[in-house]
């Protein structure tokens, strides 16, 4: 395939992925807005009003970056894991694998679909947050970079989950027992400086903690860790998961029987 044909193939796959989740936007986008509103009302207003400021910001302002990122993580992950597993389960992923379309474009098509869903939902959550607090834009470039990299990372994670899943039940195991605990323990609702020394060290093993702090720096200008190091960790994870995803796709692991 020449460059033009590859672009058409990629655009077609991406368009299919976007149409897949936008066709049912009531199920893919609206729930995030409702859930976010509950977080802001319960944690931000009811509980947050009883708490002291954190690093000069009200509790409501402090949790906004983490909640936005949580929505991006959940939606980018769930979009790819459900889409690719459905393609594998219905056996039409084989049609793409035997086509002239390079495997890296197949991977990018699914990942970019997850990224777009994550960013769209992230934008919706950001708009909802404006109802409860003033916009925070300390460094828009860093905020956007973290949002895109995080969406890419968890789209790739969703792809790997779909590759190794043997049933529809398997695609819910990782989000339930791994993704949700790591997200809630990543510092969305608290600063790791509030933890004892031992648990602060344990928190540094949680990759989501780096993403949330980098996002918080981009929006509020504060972070519990060095932002350059956080961005390095995120990029490292993205590159590692992309290489692993491309490897299993090239080898047909979890796809070819």
C-alpha atoms as a PDB file:
ATOM      1  CA  UNK A   1       0.000   0.000   0.000  1.00  0.00           C
ATOM      2  CA  UNK A   2       1.227   3.477  -0.813  1.00  0.00           C
ATOM      3  CA  UNK A   3       0.976   6.378   1.614  1.00  0.00           C
ATOM      4  CA  UNK A   4      -2.372   7.580   0.236  1.00  0.00           C
ATOM      5  CA  UNK A   5      -3.945   4.131   0.482  1.00  0.00           C
ATOM      6  CA  UNK A   6      -2.634   3.721   4.022  1.00  0.00           C
ATOM      7  CA  UNK A   7      -4.134   7.071   4.996  1.00  0.00           C
ATOM      8  CA  UNK A   8      -7.513   6.087   3.536  1.00  0.00           C
ATOM      9  CA  UNK A   9      -7.423   2.762   5.394  1.00  0.00           C
ATOM     10  CA  UNK A  10      -6.520   4.468   8.675  1.00  0.00           C
ATOM     11  CA  UNK A  11      -9.166   7.159   8.193  1.00  0.00           C
ATOM     12  CA  UNK A  12     -11.815   4.523   7.474  1.00  0.00           C
ATOM     13  CA  UNK A  13     -10.998   2.532  10.624  1.00  0.00           C
ATOM     14  CA  UNK A  14     -10.888   5.685  12.738  1.00  0.00           C
ATOM     15  CA  UNK A  15     -14.188   6.919  11.308  1.00  0.00           C
ATOM     16  CA  UNK A  16     -15.755   3.552  12.118  1.00  0.00           C
ATOM     17  CA  UNK A  17     -14.488   3.746  15.708  1.00  0.00           C
ATOM     18  CA  UNK A  18     -15.774   7.281  16.216  1.00  0.00           C
ATOM     19  CA  UNK A  19     -19.173   6.472  14.732  1.00  0.00           C
ATOM     20  CA  UNK A  20     -19.381   3.412  16.979  1.00  0.00           C
ATOM     21  CA  UNK A  21     -19.314   5.422  20.212  1.00  0.00           C
ATOM     22  CA  UNK A  22     -20.975   8.591  18.928  1.00  0.00           C
ATOM     23  CA  UNK A  23     -23.963   6.633  17.636  1.00  0.00           C
ATOM     24  CA  UNK A  24     -24.750   5.694  21.236  1.00  0.00           C
ATOM     25  CA  UNK A  25     -23.585   8.948  22.839  1.00  0.00           C
ATOM     26  CA  UNK A  26     -26.336   8.672  25.455  1.00  0.00           C
ATOM     27  CA  UNK A  27     -24.522   5.598  26.781  1.00  0.00           C
ATOM     28  CA  UNK A  28     -20.930   6.705  26.181  1.00  0.00           C
ATOM     29  CA  UNK A  29     -20.853  10.446  26.920  1.00  0.00           C
ATOM     30  CA  UNK A  30     -23.859  11.408  29.057  1.00  0.00           C
ATOM     31  CA  UNK A  31     -23.134   8.982  31.962  1.00  0.00           C
ATOM     32  CA  UNK A  32     -19.760  10.668  32.522  1.00  0.00           C
ATOM     33  CA  UNK A  33     -21.472  14.045  32.914  1.00  0.00           C
ATOM     34  CA  UNK A  34     -23.954  12.623  35.436  1.00  0.00           C
ATOM     35  CA  UNK A  35     -21.298  10.770  37.444  1.00  0.00           C
ATOM     36  CA  UNK A  36     -19.072  13.837  37.474  1.00  0.00           C
ATOM     37  CA  UNK A  37     -21.890  16.021  38.758  1.00  0.00           C
ATOM     38  CA  UNK A  38     -22.372  13.592  41.645  1.00  0.00           C
ATOM     39  CA  UNK A  39     -18.663  13.720  42.485  1.00  0.00           C
ATOM     40  CA  UNK A  40     -18.712  17.508  42.522  1.00  0.00           C
ATOM     41  CA  UNK A  41     -21.883  17.714  44.611  1.00  0.00           C
ATOM     42  CA  UNK A  42     -20.950  15.032  47.148  1.00  0.00           C
ATOM     43  CA  UNK A  43     -17.174  15.402  47.426  1.00  0.00           C
ATOM     44  CA  UNK A  44     -16.759  18.991  46.301  1.00  0.00           C
ATOM     45  CA  UNK A  45     -19.731  20.751  47.909  1.00  0.00           C
ATOM     46  CA  UNK A  46     -20.897  18.618  50.816  1.00  0.00           C
ATOM     47  CA  UNK A  47     -17.581  17.199  52.029  1.00  0.00           C
ATOM     48  CA  UNK A  48     -15.205  19.758  50.538  1.00  0.00           C
ATOM     49  CA  UNK A  49     -16.927  22.685  52.209  1.00  0.00           C
ATOM     50  CA  UNK A  50     -15.928  21.175  55.577  1.00  0.00           C
ATOM     51  CA  UNK A  51     -12.257  20.805  54.632  1.00  0.00           C
ATOM     52  CA  UNK A  52      -9.388  23.273  54.681  1.00  0.00           C
ATOM     53  CA  UNK A  53      -7.744  24.532  51.509  1.00  0.00           C
ATOM     54  CA  UNK A  54      -5.021  22.390  49.945  1.00  0.00           C
ATOM     55  CA  UNK A  55      -1.973  24.282  48.672  1.00  0.00           C
ATOM     56  CA  UNK A  56      -4.020  27.461  48.456  1.00  0.00           C
ATOM     57  CA  UNK A  57      -6.963  25.960  46.558  1.00  0.00           C
ATOM     58  CA  UNK A  58     -10.385  24.936  47.776  1.00  0.00           C
ATOM     59  CA  UNK A  59     -11.066  21.207  47.877  1.00  0.00           C
ATOM     60  CA  UNK A  60     -13.451  21.571  44.925  1.00  0.00           C
ATOM     61  CA  UNK A  61     -10.755  23.186  42.791  1.00  0.00           C
ATOM     62  CA  UNK A  62      -8.184  20.637  43.943  1.00  0.00           C
ATOM     63  CA  UNK A  63     -10.134  17.549  42.815  1.00  0.00           C
ATOM     64  CA  UNK A  64     -11.231  18.885  39.403  1.00  0.00           C
ATOM     65  CA  UNK A  65      -8.054  17.844  37.463  1.00  0.00           C
ATOM     66  CA  UNK A  66      -8.171  14.311  38.881  1.00  0.00           C
ATOM     67  CA  UNK A  67     -11.855  13.844  38.096  1.00  0.00           C
ATOM     68  CA  UNK A  68     -11.334  15.024  34.514  1.00  0.00           C
ATOM     69  CA  UNK A  69      -8.443  12.614  34.113  1.00  0.00           C
ATOM     70  CA  UNK A  70     -10.420   9.762  35.686  1.00  0.00           C
ATOM     71  CA  UNK A  71     -13.121  10.233  33.043  1.00  0.00           C
ATOM     72  CA  UNK A  72     -10.475  10.192  30.290  1.00  0.00           C
ATOM     73  CA  UNK A  73      -8.891   7.029  31.702  1.00  0.00           C
ATOM     74  CA  UNK A  74     -12.146   5.086  32.020  1.00  0.00           C
ATOM     75  CA  UNK A  75     -13.545   6.030  28.625  1.00  0.00           C
ATOM     76  CA  UNK A  76     -10.404   5.617  26.532  1.00  0.00           C
ATOM     77  CA  UNK A  77      -9.829   2.214  28.140  1.00  0.00           C
ATOM     78  CA  UNK A  78     -13.395   0.939  27.841  1.00  0.00           C
ATOM     79  CA  UNK A  79     -13.741   2.109  24.237  1.00  0.00           C
ATOM     80  CA  UNK A  80     -10.806   0.068  22.928  1.00  0.00           C
ATOM     81  CA  UNK A  81     -11.285  -3.007  25.081  1.00  0.00           C
ATOM     82  CA  UNK A  82     -14.925  -3.384  24.036  1.00  0.00           C
ATOM     83  CA  UNK A  83     -14.345  -2.499  20.376  1.00  0.00           C
ATOM     84  CA  UNK A  84     -11.355  -4.753  19.744  1.00  0.00           C
ATOM     85  CA  UNK A  85     -12.749  -7.676  21.723  1.00  0.00           C
ATOM     86  CA  UNK A  86     -15.997  -7.430  19.742  1.00  0.00           C
ATOM     87  CA  UNK A  87     -13.955  -7.475  16.521  1.00  0.00           C
ATOM     88  CA  UNK A  88     -12.073 -10.522  17.775  1.00  0.00           C
ATOM     89  CA  UNK A  89     -15.219 -12.278  19.027  1.00  0.00           C
ATOM     90  CA  UNK A  90     -17.068 -11.683  15.740  1.00  0.00           C
ATOM     91  CA  UNK A  91     -13.975 -12.771  13.753  1.00  0.00           C
ATOM     92  CA  UNK A  92     -13.784  -9.716  11.532  1.00  0.00           C
ATOM     93  CA  UNK A  93     -10.426  -8.661  12.960  1.00  0.00           C
ATOM     94  CA  UNK A  94      -8.942 -11.417  10.783  1.00  0.00           C
ATOM     95  CA  UNK A  95     -10.114  -9.528   7.704  1.00  0.00           C
ATOM     96  CA  UNK A  96      -7.986  -6.559   8.735  1.00  0.00           C
ATOM     97  CA  UNK A  97      -4.993  -8.745   9.563  1.00  0.00           C
ATOM     98  CA  UNK A  98      -4.974 -10.413   6.129  1.00  0.00           C
ATOM     99  CA  UNK A  99      -5.507  -7.105   4.322  1.00  0.00           C
ATOM    100  CA  UNK A 100      -2.574  -5.034   3.003  1.00  0.00           C
ATOM    101  CA  UNK A 101      -3.158  -2.585   5.868  1.00  0.00           C
ATOM    102  CA  UNK A 102      -0.054  -2.542   8.122  1.00  0.00           C
ATOM    103  CA  UNK A 103      -0.582  -3.782  11.660  1.00  0.00           C
ATOM    104  CA  UNK A 104       0.657  -0.546  13.170  1.00  0.00           C
ATOM    105  CA  UNK A 105      -2.151   1.320  11.373  1.00  0.00           C
ATOM    106  CA  UNK A 106      -4.716  -1.159  12.705  1.00  0.00           C
ATOM    107  CA  UNK A 107      -3.383  -0.521  16.210  1.00  0.00           C
ATOM    108  CA  UNK A 108      -3.350   3.257  15.687  1.00  0.00           C
ATOM    109  CA  UNK A 109      -6.916   3.181  14.359  1.00  0.00           C
ATOM    110  CA  UNK A 110      -8.277   1.542  17.504  1.00  0.00           C
ATOM    111  CA  UNK A 111      -6.078   3.621  19.815  1.00  0.00           C
ATOM    112  CA  UNK A 112      -6.994   6.932  18.182  1.00  0.00           C
ATOM    113  CA  UNK A 113     -10.668   6.013  18.498  1.00  0.00           C
ATOM    114  CA  UNK A 114     -10.160   5.492  22.224  1.00  0.00           C
ATOM    115  CA  UNK A 115      -8.202   8.735  22.509  1.00  0.00           C
ATOM    116  CA  UNK A 116     -10.960  10.725  20.819  1.00  0.00           C
ATOM    117  CA  UNK A 117     -13.640   9.269  23.063  1.00  0.00           C
ATOM    118  CA  UNK A 118     -11.519   9.968  26.133  1.00  0.00           C
ATOM    119  CA  UNK A 119     -10.891  13.566  25.082  1.00  0.00           C
ATOM    120  CA  UNK A 120     -14.528  14.209  24.170  1.00  0.00           C
ATOM    121  CA  UNK A 121     -15.703  12.910  27.529  1.00  0.00           C
ATOM    122  CA  UNK A 122     -12.898  14.863  29.218  1.00  0.00           C
ATOM    123  CA  UNK A 123     -14.166  18.029  27.545  1.00  0.00           C
ATOM    124  CA  UNK A 124     -17.724  17.303  28.702  1.00  0.00           C
ATOM    125  CA  UNK A 125     -16.510  16.752  32.275  1.00  0.00           C
ATOM    126  CA  UNK A 126     -14.522  20.005  32.091  1.00  0.00           C
ATOM    127  CA  UNK A 127     -17.648  21.885  31.015  1.00  0.00           C
ATOM    128  CA  UNK A 128     -19.599  20.320  33.873  1.00  0.00           C
ATOM    129  CA  UNK A 129     -16.897  21.412  36.324  1.00  0.00           C
ATOM    130  CA  UNK A 130     -17.424  25.038  35.269  1.00  0.00           C
ATOM    131  CA  UNK A 131     -20.869  24.872  36.891  1.00  0.00           C
ATOM    132  CA  UNK A 132     -19.224  24.294  40.254  1.00  0.00           C
ATOM    133  CA  UNK A 133     -15.926  26.191  40.093  1.00  0.00           C
ATOM    134  CA  UNK A 134     -13.992  28.728  38.029  1.00  0.00           C
ATOM    135  CA  UNK A 135     -11.814  27.404  35.158  1.00  0.00           C
ATOM    136  CA  UNK A 136      -8.188  26.705  36.025  1.00  0.00           C
ATOM    137  CA  UNK A 137      -5.676  27.048  33.170  1.00  0.00           C
ATOM    138  CA  UNK A 138      -2.180  27.463  34.603  1.00  0.00           C
ATOM    139  CA  UNK A 139      -0.521  25.785  31.601  1.00  0.00           C
ATOM    140  CA  UNK A 140      -2.893  24.642  28.859  1.00  0.00           C
ATOM    141  CA  UNK A 141      -0.114  22.967  26.859  1.00  0.00           C
ATOM    142  CA  UNK A 142       0.807  20.644  29.730  1.00  0.00           C
ATOM    143  CA  UNK A 143      -2.851  19.906  30.476  1.00  0.00           C
ATOM    144  CA  UNK A 144      -3.550  18.909  26.863  1.00  0.00           C
ATOM    145  CA  UNK A 145      -0.330  16.903  26.625  1.00  0.00           C
ATOM    146  CA  UNK A 146      -1.153  14.923  29.763  1.00  0.00           C
ATOM    147  CA  UNK A 147      -4.738  14.358  28.614  1.00  0.00           C
ATOM    148  CA  UNK A 148      -3.655  13.020  25.204  1.00  0.00           C
ATOM    149  CA  UNK A 149      -0.823  10.858  26.583  1.00  0.00           C
ATOM    150  CA  UNK A 150      -3.074   9.415  29.284  1.00  0.00           C
ATOM    151  CA  UNK A 151      -5.790   8.619  26.748  1.00  0.00           C
ATOM    152  CA  UNK A 152      -3.185   6.918  24.533  1.00  0.00           C
ATOM    153  CA  UNK A 153      -1.799   4.913  27.450  1.00  0.00           C
ATOM    154  CA  UNK A 154      -5.136   3.528  28.555  1.00  0.00           C
ATOM    155  CA  UNK A 155      -6.318   2.939  25.002  1.00  0.00           C
ATOM    156  CA  UNK A 156      -3.255   0.708  24.591  1.00  0.00           C
ATOM    157  CA  UNK A 157      -3.986  -0.946  27.940  1.00  0.00           C
ATOM    158  CA  UNK A 158      -7.544  -1.613  26.777  1.00  0.00           C
ATOM    159  CA  UNK A 159      -6.205  -3.119  23.567  1.00  0.00           C
ATOM    160  CA  UNK A 160      -3.969  -5.525  25.487  1.00  0.00           C
ATOM    161  CA  UNK A 161      -6.840  -6.494  27.774  1.00  0.00           C
ATOM    162  CA  UNK A 162      -8.977  -7.267  24.715  1.00  0.00           C
ATOM    163  CA  UNK A 163      -6.208  -9.329  23.103  1.00  0.00           C
ATOM    164  CA  UNK A 164      -5.799 -11.617  26.116  1.00  0.00           C
ATOM    165  CA  UNK A 165      -9.493 -11.771  27.070  1.00  0.00           C
ATOM    166  CA  UNK A 166     -11.203 -15.082  26.375  1.00  0.00           C
ATOM    167  CA  UNK A 167     -14.743 -13.963  27.217  1.00  0.00           C
ATOM    168  CA  UNK A 168     -16.769 -10.818  27.757  1.00  0.00           C
ATOM    169  CA  UNK A 169     -16.358 -11.359  31.506  1.00  0.00           C
ATOM    170  CA  UNK A 170     -12.578 -11.070  31.136  1.00  0.00           C
ATOM    171  CA  UNK A 171     -12.765  -7.510  29.832  1.00  0.00           C
ATOM    172  CA  UNK A 172     -14.254  -6.359  33.138  1.00  0.00           C
ATOM    173  CA  UNK A 173     -11.687  -7.983  35.425  1.00  0.00           C
ATOM    174  CA  UNK A 174      -8.862  -5.471  34.876  1.00  0.00           C
ATOM    175  CA  UNK A 175     -11.058  -2.347  35.232  1.00  0.00           C
ATOM    176  CA  UNK A 176     -12.656  -3.716  38.394  1.00  0.00           C
ATOM    177  CA  UNK A 177      -9.670  -5.146  40.257  1.00  0.00           C
ATOM    178  CA  UNK A 178      -6.759  -3.088  38.857  1.00  0.00           C
ATOM    179  CA  UNK A 179      -7.814   0.112  37.137  1.00  0.00           C
ATOM    180  CA  UNK A 180     -10.377   1.354  39.680  1.00  0.00           C
ATOM    181  CA  UNK A 181      -8.154   0.853  42.772  1.00  0.00           C
ATOM    182  CA  UNK A 182      -5.154   2.469  41.075  1.00  0.00           C
ATOM    183  CA  UNK A 183      -7.279   5.424  39.966  1.00  0.00           C
ATOM    184  CA  UNK A 184      -8.807   6.116  43.370  1.00  0.00           C
ATOM    185  CA  UNK A 185      -5.429   5.637  45.080  1.00  0.00           C
ATOM    186  CA  UNK A 186      -3.671   7.905  42.585  1.00  0.00           C
ATOM    187  CA  UNK A 187      -4.325  11.106  44.512  1.00  0.00           C
ATOM    188  CA  UNK A 188      -7.549  12.337  42.941  1.00  0.00           C
ATOM    189  CA  UNK A 189      -9.149  13.214  46.272  1.00  0.00           C
ATOM    190  CA  UNK A 190      -6.037  13.853  48.359  1.00  0.00           C
ATOM    191  CA  UNK A 191      -2.422  14.954  48.273  1.00  0.00           C
ATOM    192  CA  UNK A 192       0.138  12.208  48.836  1.00  0.00           C
ATOM    193  CA  UNK A 193       1.847  14.590  51.265  1.00  0.00           C
ATOM    194  CA  UNK A 194      -1.034  13.789  53.617  1.00  0.00           C
ATOM    195  CA  UNK A 195       0.072  10.143  53.787  1.00  0.00           C
ATOM    196  CA  UNK A 196       2.627   8.604  56.173  1.00  0.00           C
ATOM    197  CA  UNK A 197       6.125   8.191  54.712  1.00  0.00           C
ATOM    198  CA  UNK A 198       5.670   4.490  53.963  1.00  0.00           C
ATOM    199  CA  UNK A 199       2.461   5.008  51.986  1.00  0.00           C
ATOM    200  CA  UNK A 200       3.987   7.961  50.158  1.00  0.00           C
ATOM    201  CA  UNK A 201       6.684   5.610  48.878  1.00  0.00           C
ATOM    202  CA  UNK A 202       4.069   3.020  47.927  1.00  0.00           C
ATOM    203  CA  UNK A 203       2.119   5.700  46.031  1.00  0.00           C
ATOM    204  CA  UNK A 204       5.157   6.306  43.820  1.00  0.00           C
ATOM    205  CA  UNK A 205       4.644   2.798  42.411  1.00  0.00           C
ATOM    206  CA  UNK A 206       1.237   3.852  41.074  1.00  0.00           C
ATOM    207  CA  UNK A 207       1.623   5.196  37.501  1.00  0.00           C
ATOM    208  CA  UNK A 208      -1.720   7.004  37.664  1.00  0.00           C
ATOM    209  CA  UNK A 209      -0.353   9.178  40.462  1.00  0.00           C
ATOM    210  CA  UNK A 210       2.108  10.727  37.995  1.00  0.00           C
ATOM    211  CA  UNK A 211      -0.640  11.483  35.493  1.00  0.00           C
ATOM    212  CA  UNK A 212      -2.937  13.099  38.042  1.00  0.00           C
ATOM    213  CA  UNK A 213      -0.164  15.273  39.447  1.00  0.00           C
ATOM    214  CA  UNK A 214       0.968  16.346  36.003  1.00  0.00           C
ATOM    215  CA  UNK A 215      -2.632  17.231  35.120  1.00  0.00           C
ATOM    216  CA  UNK A 216      -3.025  19.117  38.391  1.00  0.00           C
ATOM    217  CA  UNK A 217       0.125  21.085  37.619  1.00  0.00           C
ATOM    218  CA  UNK A 218      -1.185  21.962  34.165  1.00  0.00           C
ATOM    219  CA  UNK A 219      -4.446  23.258  35.587  1.00  0.00           C
ATOM    220  CA  UNK A 220      -3.480  24.624  39.017  1.00  0.00           C
ATOM    221  CA  UNK A 221       0.286  24.956  38.952  1.00  0.00           C
ATOM    222  CA  UNK A 222       0.805  22.600  41.910  1.00  0.00           C
ATOM    223  CA  UNK A 223       2.115  19.035  42.073  1.00  0.00           C
ATOM    224  CA  UNK A 224       3.379  16.570  44.658  1.00  0.00           C
ATOM    225  CA  UNK A 225       6.154  15.424  42.321  1.00  0.00           C
ATOM    226  CA  UNK A 226       8.451  16.873  39.664  1.00  0.00           C
ATOM    227  CA  UNK A 227       6.376  17.428  36.509  1.00  0.00           C
ATOM    228  CA  UNK A 228       9.233  16.670  34.095  1.00  0.00           C
ATOM    229  CA  UNK A 229       9.744  13.311  35.773  1.00  0.00           C
ATOM    230  CA  UNK A 230       5.989  12.632  35.687  1.00  0.00           C
ATOM    231  CA  UNK A 231       5.847  13.344  31.946  1.00  0.00           C
ATOM    232  CA  UNK A 232       8.869  11.081  31.399  1.00  0.00           C
ATOM    233  CA  UNK A 233       7.139   8.226  33.240  1.00  0.00           C
ATOM    234  CA  UNK A 234       3.952   8.678  31.190  1.00  0.00           C
ATOM    235  CA  UNK A 235       5.833   8.726  27.854  1.00  0.00           C
ATOM    236  CA  UNK A 236       7.826   5.661  28.935  1.00  0.00           C
ATOM    237  CA  UNK A 237       4.640   3.730  29.669  1.00  0.00           C
ATOM    238  CA  UNK A 238       3.051   4.814  26.373  1.00  0.00           C
ATOM    239  CA  UNK A 239       6.083   3.700  24.333  1.00  0.00           C
ATOM    240  CA  UNK A 240       6.360   0.411  26.229  1.00  0.00           C
ATOM    241  CA  UNK A 241       2.685  -0.484  25.816  1.00  0.00           C
ATOM    242  CA  UNK A 242       2.700   0.526  22.137  1.00  0.00           C
ATOM    243  CA  UNK A 243       5.702  -1.725  21.479  1.00  0.00           C
ATOM    244  CA  UNK A 244       4.083  -4.606  23.386  1.00  0.00           C
ATOM    245  CA  UNK A 245       0.725  -4.119  21.637  1.00  0.00           C
ATOM    246  CA  UNK A 246       2.352  -4.087  18.215  1.00  0.00           C
ATOM    247  CA  UNK A 247       4.353  -7.195  19.097  1.00  0.00           C
ATOM    248  CA  UNK A 248       1.306  -9.246  20.125  1.00  0.00           C
ATOM    249  CA  UNK A 249      -0.593  -8.020  17.055  1.00  0.00           C
ATOM    250  CA  UNK A 250       2.254  -9.013  14.723  1.00  0.00           C
ATOM    251  CA  UNK A 251       2.541 -12.423  16.379  1.00  0.00           C
ATOM    252  CA  UNK A 252      -1.216 -12.933  16.444  1.00  0.00           C
ATOM    253  CA  UNK A 253      -1.136 -13.681  20.166  1.00  0.00           C
ATOM    254  CA  UNK A 254      -4.643 -14.065  21.534  1.00  0.00           C
ATOM    255  CA  UNK A 255      -6.081 -13.683  18.024  1.00  0.00           C
ATOM    256  CA  UNK A 256      -4.966 -16.593  15.890  1.00  0.00           C
ATOM    257  CA  UNK A 257      -6.087 -19.984  17.093  1.00  0.00           C
END
